[in-house]
C-alpha atoms as a PDB file:
ATOM      1  CA  UNK A   1       5.543 -23.708  -1.747  1.00  0.00           C
ATOM      2  CA  UNK A   2       2.400 -23.812  -0.104  1.00  0.00           C
ATOM      3  CA  UNK A   3       3.977 -22.758   3.334  1.00  0.00           C
ATOM      4  CA  UNK A   4       5.771 -19.690   1.846  1.00  0.00           C
ATOM      5  CA  UNK A   5       2.319 -18.821   0.602  1.00  0.00           C
ATOM      6  CA  UNK A   6       0.720 -18.868   3.496  1.00  0.00           C
ATOM      7  CA  UNK A   7       3.428 -16.926   5.493  1.00  0.00           C
ATOM      8  CA  UNK A   8       3.147 -14.361   2.619  1.00  0.00           C
ATOM      9  CA  UNK A   9      -0.342 -13.931   3.264  1.00  0.00           C
ATOM     10  CA  UNK A  10      -0.182 -13.873   6.941  1.00  0.00           C
ATOM     11  CA  UNK A  11       2.346 -10.917   6.436  1.00  0.00           C
ATOM     12  CA  UNK A  12      -0.223  -9.545   3.889  1.00  0.00           C
ATOM     13  CA  UNK A  13      -2.906  -9.383   6.722  1.00  0.00           C
ATOM     14  CA  UNK A  14      -0.545  -7.940   9.400  1.00  0.00           C
ATOM     15  CA  UNK A  15       0.979  -5.141   7.084  1.00  0.00           C
ATOM     16  CA  UNK A  16      -2.202  -2.954   6.907  1.00  0.00           C
ATOM     17  CA  UNK A  17      -3.049  -3.539  10.585  1.00  0.00           C
ATOM     18  CA  UNK A  18       0.393  -2.387  11.711  1.00  0.00           C
ATOM     19  CA  UNK A  19       0.204   0.606   9.505  1.00  0.00           C
ATOM     20  CA  UNK A  20      -2.956   1.901  10.273  1.00  0.00           C
ATOM     21  CA  UNK A  21      -2.562   1.179  13.999  1.00  0.00           C
ATOM     22  CA  UNK A  22       0.210   3.412  13.794  1.00  0.00           C
ATOM     23  CA  UNK A  23      -0.996   6.344  11.497  1.00  0.00           C
ATOM     24  CA  UNK A  24      -4.196   6.615  13.712  1.00  0.00           C
ATOM     25  CA  UNK A  25      -2.269   6.554  16.994  1.00  0.00           C
ATOM     26  CA  UNK A  26       0.082   9.389  15.335  1.00  0.00           C
ATOM     27  CA  UNK A  27      -2.814  11.276  14.377  1.00  0.00           C
ATOM     28  CA  UNK A  28      -4.425  11.138  17.922  1.00  0.00           C
ATOM     29  CA  UNK A  29      -0.932  11.874  19.693  1.00  0.00           C
ATOM     30  CA  UNK A  30      -0.768  15.128  17.274  1.00  0.00           C
ATOM     31  CA  UNK A  31      -3.479  17.408  18.082  1.00  0.00           C
ATOM     32  CA  UNK A  32      -2.469  20.046  15.499  1.00  0.00           C
ATOM     33  CA  UNK A  33      -2.756  17.671  12.493  1.00  0.00           C
ATOM     34  CA  UNK A  34      -5.511  18.699  10.105  1.00  0.00           C
ATOM     35  CA  UNK A  35      -7.029  16.203   7.275  1.00  0.00           C
ATOM     36  CA  UNK A  36      -7.750  18.885   4.894  1.00  0.00           C
ATOM     37  CA  UNK A  37      -4.312  20.857   5.322  1.00  0.00           C
ATOM     38  CA  UNK A  38      -1.750  18.647   5.822  1.00  0.00           C
ATOM     39  CA  UNK A  39      -0.141  15.437   4.214  1.00  0.00           C
ATOM     40  CA  UNK A  40       0.248  12.141   6.641  1.00  0.00           C
ATOM     41  CA  UNK A  41       3.878  12.525   6.037  1.00  0.00           C
ATOM     42  CA  UNK A  42       3.859  15.701   8.122  1.00  0.00           C
ATOM     43  CA  UNK A  43       3.562  13.328  11.446  1.00  0.00           C
ATOM     44  CA  UNK A  44       6.869  11.926  10.432  1.00  0.00           C
ATOM     45  CA  UNK A  45       8.912  14.860  11.492  1.00  0.00           C
ATOM     46  CA  UNK A  46       6.996  15.364  14.599  1.00  0.00           C
ATOM     47  CA  UNK A  47       9.505  14.871  17.583  1.00  0.00           C
ATOM     48  CA  UNK A  48       8.829  12.234  20.024  1.00  0.00           C
ATOM     49  CA  UNK A  49       6.173   9.639  19.940  1.00  0.00           C
ATOM     50  CA  UNK A  50       4.436  10.793  16.896  1.00  0.00           C
ATOM     51  CA  UNK A  51       7.019  10.917  14.498  1.00  0.00           C
ATOM     52  CA  UNK A  52       8.566   7.510  16.050  1.00  0.00           C
ATOM     53  CA  UNK A  53       4.790   5.745  15.736  1.00  0.00           C
ATOM     54  CA  UNK A  54       4.182   6.909  12.240  1.00  0.00           C
ATOM     55  CA  UNK A  55       7.626   6.569  10.729  1.00  0.00           C
ATOM     56  CA  UNK A  56       7.554   2.874  12.319  1.00  0.00           C
ATOM     57  CA  UNK A  57       4.227   1.766  10.941  1.00  0.00           C
ATOM     58  CA  UNK A  58       5.276   2.943   7.456  1.00  0.00           C
ATOM     59  CA  UNK A  59       8.639   1.003   7.518  1.00  0.00           C
ATOM     60  CA  UNK A  60       7.214  -2.278   9.139  1.00  0.00           C
ATOM     61  CA  UNK A  61       3.872  -2.279   6.999  1.00  0.00           C
ATOM     62  CA  UNK A  62       6.292  -2.113   3.992  1.00  0.00           C
ATOM     63  CA  UNK A  63       8.779  -4.900   4.979  1.00  0.00           C
ATOM     64  CA  UNK A  64       5.425  -7.089   6.024  1.00  0.00           C
ATOM     65  CA  UNK A  65       3.934  -6.043   2.626  1.00  0.00           C
ATOM     66  CA  UNK A  66       7.059  -7.055   0.752  1.00  0.00           C
ATOM     67  CA  UNK A  67       6.936 -10.328   2.577  1.00  0.00           C
ATOM     68  CA  UNK A  68       3.297 -10.671   1.026  1.00  0.00           C
ATOM     69  CA  UNK A  69       4.706  -9.711  -2.642  1.00  0.00           C
ATOM     70  CA  UNK A  70       7.602 -11.960  -2.391  1.00  0.00           C
ATOM     71  CA  UNK A  71       6.235 -14.983  -0.904  1.00  0.00           C
ATOM     72  CA  UNK A  72       2.402 -14.716  -1.439  1.00  0.00           C
ATOM     73  CA  UNK A  73       1.462 -12.650  -4.340  1.00  0.00           C
ATOM     74  CA  UNK A  74       4.536 -13.625  -6.578  1.00  0.00           C
ATOM     75  CA  UNK A  75       3.926 -17.450  -6.003  1.00  0.00           C
ATOM     76  CA  UNK A  76      -0.028 -17.071  -6.144  1.00  0.00           C
ATOM     77  CA  UNK A  77       0.942 -15.330  -9.951  1.00  0.00           C
ATOM     78  CA  UNK A  78       3.911 -17.504 -10.751  1.00  0.00           C
ATOM     79  CA  UNK A  79       2.623 -19.428 -13.680  1.00  0.00           C
ATOM     80  CA  UNK A  80       1.635 -16.218 -15.397  1.00  0.00           C
ATOM     81  CA  UNK A  81       4.185 -14.062 -16.745  1.00  0.00           C
ATOM     82  CA  UNK A  82       1.885 -10.890 -16.620  1.00  0.00           C
ATOM     83  CA  UNK A  83       1.248 -11.792 -13.024  1.00  0.00           C
ATOM     84  CA  UNK A  84       5.060 -11.738 -12.347  1.00  0.00           C
ATOM     85  CA  UNK A  85       5.209  -8.318 -13.778  1.00  0.00           C
ATOM     86  CA  UNK A  86       2.338  -7.188 -11.698  1.00  0.00           C
ATOM     87  CA  UNK A  87       4.008  -8.841  -8.432  1.00  0.00           C
ATOM     88  CA  UNK A  88       7.631  -7.105  -9.411  1.00  0.00           C
ATOM     89  CA  UNK A  89       5.821  -3.492  -9.434  1.00  0.00           C
ATOM     90  CA  UNK A  90       3.819  -4.166  -6.284  1.00  0.00           C
ATOM     91  CA  UNK A  91       7.025  -5.163  -4.586  1.00  0.00           C
ATOM     92  CA  UNK A  92       8.582  -1.794  -5.900  1.00  0.00           C
ATOM     93  CA  UNK A  93       5.623  -0.025  -4.232  1.00  0.00           C
ATOM     94  CA  UNK A  94       6.317  -1.777  -1.168  1.00  0.00           C
ATOM     95  CA  UNK A  95      10.028  -1.143  -1.101  1.00  0.00           C
ATOM     96  CA  UNK A  96       8.565   2.646  -1.700  1.00  0.00           C
ATOM     97  CA  UNK A  97       6.742   2.892   1.142  1.00  0.00           C
ATOM     98  CA  UNK A  98       9.631   1.315   3.383  1.00  0.00           C
ATOM     99  CA  UNK A  99      11.628   4.436   2.085  1.00  0.00           C
ATOM    100  CA  UNK A 100       8.768   6.640   3.159  1.00  0.00           C
ATOM    101  CA  UNK A 101       9.379   5.621   6.525  1.00  0.00           C
ATOM    102  CA  UNK A 102      13.026   5.855   6.499  1.00  0.00           C
ATOM    103  CA  UNK A 103      13.186   8.756   4.548  1.00  0.00           C
ATOM    104  CA  UNK A 104      10.964  11.282   6.131  1.00  0.00           C
ATOM    105  CA  UNK A 105      10.117  15.161   5.103  1.00  0.00           C
ATOM    106  CA  UNK A 106      13.433  16.228   6.557  1.00  0.00           C
ATOM    107  CA  UNK A 107      14.924  14.225   3.681  1.00  0.00           C
ATOM    108  CA  UNK A 108      14.474  16.188   0.282  1.00  0.00           C
ATOM    109  CA  UNK A 109      13.543  15.651  -2.510  1.00  0.00           C
ATOM    110  CA  UNK A 110      13.854  11.798  -1.558  1.00  0.00           C
ATOM    111  CA  UNK A 111      10.881  11.740   0.618  1.00  0.00           C
ATOM    112  CA  UNK A 112       8.983  13.406  -2.043  1.00  0.00           C
ATOM    113  CA  UNK A 113      10.203  10.828  -4.931  1.00  0.00           C
ATOM    114  CA  UNK A 114       9.361   7.627  -3.210  1.00  0.00           C
ATOM    115  CA  UNK A 115       6.167   8.899  -1.788  1.00  0.00           C
ATOM    116  CA  UNK A 116       5.194   9.467  -5.464  1.00  0.00           C
ATOM    117  CA  UNK A 117       6.596   6.221  -6.416  1.00  0.00           C
ATOM    118  CA  UNK A 118       4.509   4.554  -3.904  1.00  0.00           C
ATOM    119  CA  UNK A 119       1.428   5.969  -5.028  1.00  0.00           C
ATOM    120  CA  UNK A 120       1.668   5.606  -8.678  1.00  0.00           C
ATOM    121  CA  UNK A 121       3.346   2.106  -8.290  1.00  0.00           C
ATOM    122  CA  UNK A 122       0.353   0.745  -6.305  1.00  0.00           C
ATOM    123  CA  UNK A 123      -2.342   1.250  -8.701  1.00  0.00           C
ATOM    124  CA  UNK A 124      -0.009   0.342 -11.816  1.00  0.00           C
ATOM    125  CA  UNK A 125       0.717  -2.936 -10.220  1.00  0.00           C
ATOM    126  CA  UNK A 126      -3.139  -3.481  -9.657  1.00  0.00           C
ATOM    127  CA  UNK A 127      -3.975  -2.819 -12.952  1.00  0.00           C
ATOM    128  CA  UNK A 128      -1.060  -5.260 -14.234  1.00  0.00           C
ATOM    129  CA  UNK A 129      -2.437  -7.681 -11.712  1.00  0.00           C
ATOM    130  CA  UNK A 130      -6.203  -7.444 -13.223  1.00  0.00           C
ATOM    131  CA  UNK A 131      -4.808  -8.422 -16.587  1.00  0.00           C
ATOM    132  CA  UNK A 132      -2.944 -11.752 -14.934  1.00  0.00           C
ATOM    133  CA  UNK A 133      -6.265 -12.622 -13.183  1.00  0.00           C
ATOM    134  CA  UNK A 134      -8.185 -11.913 -16.697  1.00  0.00           C
ATOM    135  CA  UNK A 135      -5.778 -14.238 -18.345  1.00  0.00           C
ATOM    136  CA  UNK A 136      -6.575 -17.168 -15.575  1.00  0.00           C
ATOM    137  CA  UNK A 137     -10.266 -16.501 -16.297  1.00  0.00           C
ATOM    138  CA  UNK A 138     -10.321 -15.384 -12.487  1.00  0.00           C
ATOM    139  CA  UNK A 139     -13.237 -13.080 -13.602  1.00  0.00           C
ATOM    140  CA  UNK A 140     -14.174 -12.142  -9.875  1.00  0.00           C
ATOM    141  CA  UNK A 141     -10.805 -11.314  -8.946  1.00  0.00           C
ATOM    142  CA  UNK A 142     -10.247  -9.326 -12.081  1.00  0.00           C
ATOM    143  CA  UNK A 143     -13.149  -7.108 -11.439  1.00  0.00           C
ATOM    144  CA  UNK A 144     -12.447  -6.780  -7.876  1.00  0.00           C
ATOM    145  CA  UNK A 145      -8.752  -5.811  -8.495  1.00  0.00           C
ATOM    146  CA  UNK A 146      -9.791  -3.201 -11.260  1.00  0.00           C
ATOM    147  CA  UNK A 147     -12.199  -1.486  -9.187  1.00  0.00           C
ATOM    148  CA  UNK A 148      -9.416  -1.183  -6.380  1.00  0.00           C
ATOM    149  CA  UNK A 149      -7.024  -0.051  -8.578  1.00  0.00           C
ATOM    150  CA  UNK A 150      -9.621   2.677  -9.677  1.00  0.00           C
ATOM    151  CA  UNK A 151     -10.130   3.452  -5.911  1.00  0.00           C
ATOM    152  CA  UNK A 152      -6.482   3.914  -5.425  1.00  0.00           C
ATOM    153  CA  UNK A 153      -6.015   5.923  -8.304  1.00  0.00           C
ATOM    154  CA  UNK A 154      -9.257   8.458  -8.341  1.00  0.00           C
ATOM    155  CA  UNK A 155      -8.541  10.469  -5.226  1.00  0.00           C
ATOM    156  CA  UNK A 156      -5.235  11.573  -6.920  1.00  0.00           C
ATOM    157  CA  UNK A 157      -6.820  12.289 -10.169  1.00  0.00           C
ATOM    158  CA  UNK A 158      -9.657  14.234  -8.380  1.00  0.00           C
ATOM    159  CA  UNK A 159      -6.608  16.192  -6.156  1.00  0.00           C
ATOM    160  CA  UNK A 160      -5.044  17.342  -9.189  1.00  0.00           C
ATOM    161  CA  UNK A 161      -8.190  18.441 -11.178  1.00  0.00           C
ATOM    162  CA  UNK A 162     -10.698  19.600  -8.538  1.00  0.00           C
ATOM    163  CA  UNK A 163      -8.022  20.567  -5.816  1.00  0.00           C
ATOM    164  CA  UNK A 164     -10.712  19.398  -3.144  1.00  0.00           C
ATOM    165  CA  UNK A 165      -8.338  19.616  -0.423  1.00  0.00           C
ATOM    166  CA  UNK A 166      -5.189  21.914   0.362  1.00  0.00           C
ATOM    167  CA  UNK A 167      -3.273  18.879   1.911  1.00  0.00           C
ATOM    168  CA  UNK A 168      -2.733  15.400   0.717  1.00  0.00           C
ATOM    169  CA  UNK A 169      -3.903  13.452   3.805  1.00  0.00           C
ATOM    170  CA  UNK A 170      -7.102  12.409   2.420  1.00  0.00           C
ATOM    171  CA  UNK A 171      -6.231  10.819  -0.826  1.00  0.00           C
ATOM    172  CA  UNK A 172      -3.410   9.540   0.553  1.00  0.00           C
ATOM    173  CA  UNK A 173      -5.260   7.870   3.291  1.00  0.00           C
ATOM    174  CA  UNK A 174      -7.882   6.843   0.737  1.00  0.00           C
ATOM    175  CA  UNK A 175      -5.449   5.281  -1.722  1.00  0.00           C
ATOM    176  CA  UNK A 176      -3.857   3.711   1.147  1.00  0.00           C
ATOM    177  CA  UNK A 177      -7.119   1.846   2.522  1.00  0.00           C
ATOM    178  CA  UNK A 178      -7.796   0.931  -0.969  1.00  0.00           C
ATOM    179  CA  UNK A 179      -5.025  -0.940  -0.990  1.00  0.00           C
ATOM    180  CA  UNK A 180      -5.114  -2.487   2.045  1.00  0.00           C
ATOM    181  CA  UNK A 181      -8.419  -3.985   1.367  1.00  0.00           C
ATOM    182  CA  UNK A 182      -7.244  -5.736  -1.680  1.00  0.00           C
ATOM    183  CA  UNK A 183      -4.018  -7.377   0.086  1.00  0.00           C
ATOM    184  CA  UNK A 184      -5.951  -8.428   3.036  1.00  0.00           C
ATOM    185  CA  UNK A 185      -8.828  -9.819   0.559  1.00  0.00           C
ATOM    186  CA  UNK A 186      -6.193 -11.604  -1.463  1.00  0.00           C
ATOM    187  CA  UNK A 187      -4.264 -12.739   1.371  1.00  0.00           C
ATOM    188  CA  UNK A 188      -7.662 -14.066   2.897  1.00  0.00           C
ATOM    189  CA  UNK A 189      -7.802 -16.116  -0.642  1.00  0.00           C
ATOM    190  CA  UNK A 190      -4.690 -17.538  -0.510  1.00  0.00           C
ATOM    191  CA  UNK A 191      -4.797 -19.169   3.122  1.00  0.00           C
ATOM    192  CA  UNK A 192      -8.179 -20.202   2.114  1.00  0.00           C
ATOM    193  CA  UNK A 193      -6.709 -22.072  -0.921  1.00  0.00           C
ATOM    194  CA  UNK A 194      -4.040 -23.485   0.782  1.00  0.00           C
ATOM    195  CA  UNK A 195      -6.219 -25.059   3.725  1.00  0.00           C
END
């Protein structure tokens, strides 16, 4: 079990590194991209290096994040049924992320549905996991996790209420970064616990 958790934690650290390296590389390779007018997924249908890099980054990150969910997170929270539910919802979010990379914007309405699924399931899973940490009296992790969950949800709440940009790249990126911070932090905590 500890070895599984360590492998899961390692994949949790690698997942966002892969994702953001590929996303930022795709953005750099496509000068027409606009943070305020585009969706990040617009990069996935650009021919050549841009689309390949972007889609590869998403589904590879999704696979690594799924390994984190199954081997690391689920094992770490397994003695708590609320934690198991939270880990399962988080795993569903990672499957949606894999699907975003596989089914780019050319696949309508599949791409839209899996994108919505990812950005809804991510904060929902974190709210559930917050409850799991609270039940285990892990107050600091509960507070940290709920702040991350709020951080992942607020860009979308503001987008739909204030329409502060015409495209969704900014809320997508902020939500993704906050989720990545949580995954890396918990992965580090798991590795530290195992050593």
